[in-house]
């Protein structure tokens, strides 16, 4: 937990909880001093934004969801090895 108080922090992963900026869940409300960077769906079997990159201490942080195969779930799973779409972050300190 001490790392959460560092000047620069990146927390990334599958939070298994849909992110909705208008109605923050208890989990996402707990990141008060952080920026939640993704609003896009990352779980393609059921459109939900459950993967995210949560940051602190960056001038800018842009998140992009990679979806090269649109709704071809078989190709997505073969290429990405998951039922989640890849999430990429680009940052400036």
Protein backbone atom coordinates (compact mmCIF):
# COMPACT_ATOMS: atom_id res chain seq x y z
CA UNK A 1 0.00 0.00 0.00
CA UNK A 2 2.87 2.44 0.58
CA UNK A 3 3.41 2.61 -3.19
CA UNK A 4 -0.01 4.22 -3.64
CA UNK A 5 1.43 7.32 -1.96
CA UNK A 6 4.35 7.62 -4.40
CA UNK A 7 4.48 10.59 -6.79
CA UNK A 8 4.14 8.40 -9.88
CA UNK A 9 1.89 5.32 -9.85
CA UNK A 10 0.48 2.98 -12.52
CA UNK A 11 -2.14 0.39 -11.59
CA UNK A 12 -3.29 -1.72 -14.52
CA UNK A 13 -5.36 -4.81 -15.00
CA UNK A 14 -8.70 -6.54 -15.07
CA UNK A 15 -10.74 -5.00 -12.26
CA UNK A 16 -13.78 -7.24 -13.01
CA UNK A 17 -16.00 -4.24 -12.42
CA UNK A 18 -17.59 -2.13 -15.14
CA UNK A 19 -16.31 1.45 -15.20
CA UNK A 20 -18.95 4.12 -15.68
CA UNK A 21 -17.70 7.68 -15.17
CA UNK A 22 -21.24 8.94 -14.41
CA UNK A 23 -21.87 6.34 -11.70
CA UNK A 24 -18.61 5.36 -10.04
CA UNK A 25 -18.60 2.10 -8.12
CA UNK A 26 -17.13 1.86 -4.63
CA UNK A 27 -13.94 0.39 -6.12
CA UNK A 28 -13.38 3.28 -8.54
CA UNK A 29 -14.35 5.88 -5.93
CA UNK A 30 -11.45 4.61 -3.81
CA UNK A 31 -8.97 6.02 -6.37
CA UNK A 32 -9.69 9.67 -5.44
CA UNK A 33 -6.25 11.13 -6.26
CA UNK A 34 -5.82 9.02 -9.41
CA UNK A 35 -6.86 9.37 -13.05
CA UNK A 36 -8.93 6.49 -14.44
CA UNK A 37 -7.87 6.48 -18.08
CA UNK A 38 -10.16 4.09 -19.96
CA UNK A 39 -13.84 4.55 -20.89
CA UNK A 40 -13.96 1.99 -23.71
CA UNK A 41 -15.20 -1.59 -23.69
CA UNK A 42 -12.43 -4.13 -23.17
CA UNK A 43 -14.44 -7.30 -22.69
CA UNK A 44 -15.78 -8.25 -26.09
CA UNK A 45 -18.18 -11.09 -25.26
CA UNK A 46 -20.34 -8.72 -23.23
CA UNK A 47 -19.54 -5.04 -23.88
CA UNK A 48 -18.06 -3.80 -20.61
CA UNK A 49 -15.17 -1.60 -19.54
CA UNK A 50 -13.59 -3.83 -16.89
CA UNK A 51 -9.90 -3.44 -17.77
CA UNK A 52 -8.26 -0.17 -16.91
CA UNK A 53 -5.07 1.75 -16.33
CA UNK A 54 -5.27 3.98 -13.28
CA UNK A 55 -2.46 6.53 -12.88
CA UNK A 56 -1.08 9.34 -10.78
CA UNK A 57 1.71 11.81 -11.51
CA UNK A 58 1.64 12.09 -15.31
CA UNK A 59 1.13 15.25 -17.40
CA UNK A 60 -0.84 13.25 -19.94
CA UNK A 61 -1.89 9.63 -20.20
CA UNK A 62 -3.81 8.37 -23.23
CA UNK A 63 -5.31 4.89 -23.26
CA UNK A 64 -6.21 3.00 -26.44
CA UNK A 65 -8.12 -0.28 -26.75
CA UNK A 66 -6.85 -2.44 -29.61
CA UNK A 67 -9.60 -4.20 -31.60
CA UNK A 68 -8.26 -5.41 -34.95
CA UNK A 69 -11.01 -7.97 -35.57
CA UNK A 70 -14.22 -6.05 -34.68
CA UNK A 71 -16.77 -8.78 -33.77
CA UNK A 72 -14.84 -11.84 -34.99
CA UNK A 73 -14.43 -13.30 -31.50
CA UNK A 74 -12.59 -16.40 -32.70
CA UNK A 75 -9.85 -14.34 -34.38
CA UNK A 76 -9.66 -12.04 -31.37
CA UNK A 77 -9.14 -14.97 -29.00
CA UNK A 78 -6.58 -16.64 -31.27
CA UNK A 79 -4.59 -13.42 -31.71
CA UNK A 80 -4.93 -11.87 -28.25
CA UNK A 81 -5.14 -15.10 -26.25
CA UNK A 82 -7.94 -13.70 -24.11
CA UNK A 83 -11.58 -12.72 -24.06
CA UNK A 84 -10.37 -9.21 -23.20
CA UNK A 85 -9.10 -6.68 -25.71
CA UNK A 86 -5.55 -5.31 -25.26
CA UNK A 87 -5.26 -1.93 -23.57
CA UNK A 88 -2.27 0.30 -24.33
CA UNK A 89 -1.21 3.42 -22.45
CA UNK A 90 0.90 6.29 -23.77
CA UNK A 91 2.19 8.75 -21.20
CA UNK A 92 4.19 11.92 -20.61
CA UNK A 93 5.88 12.68 -17.34
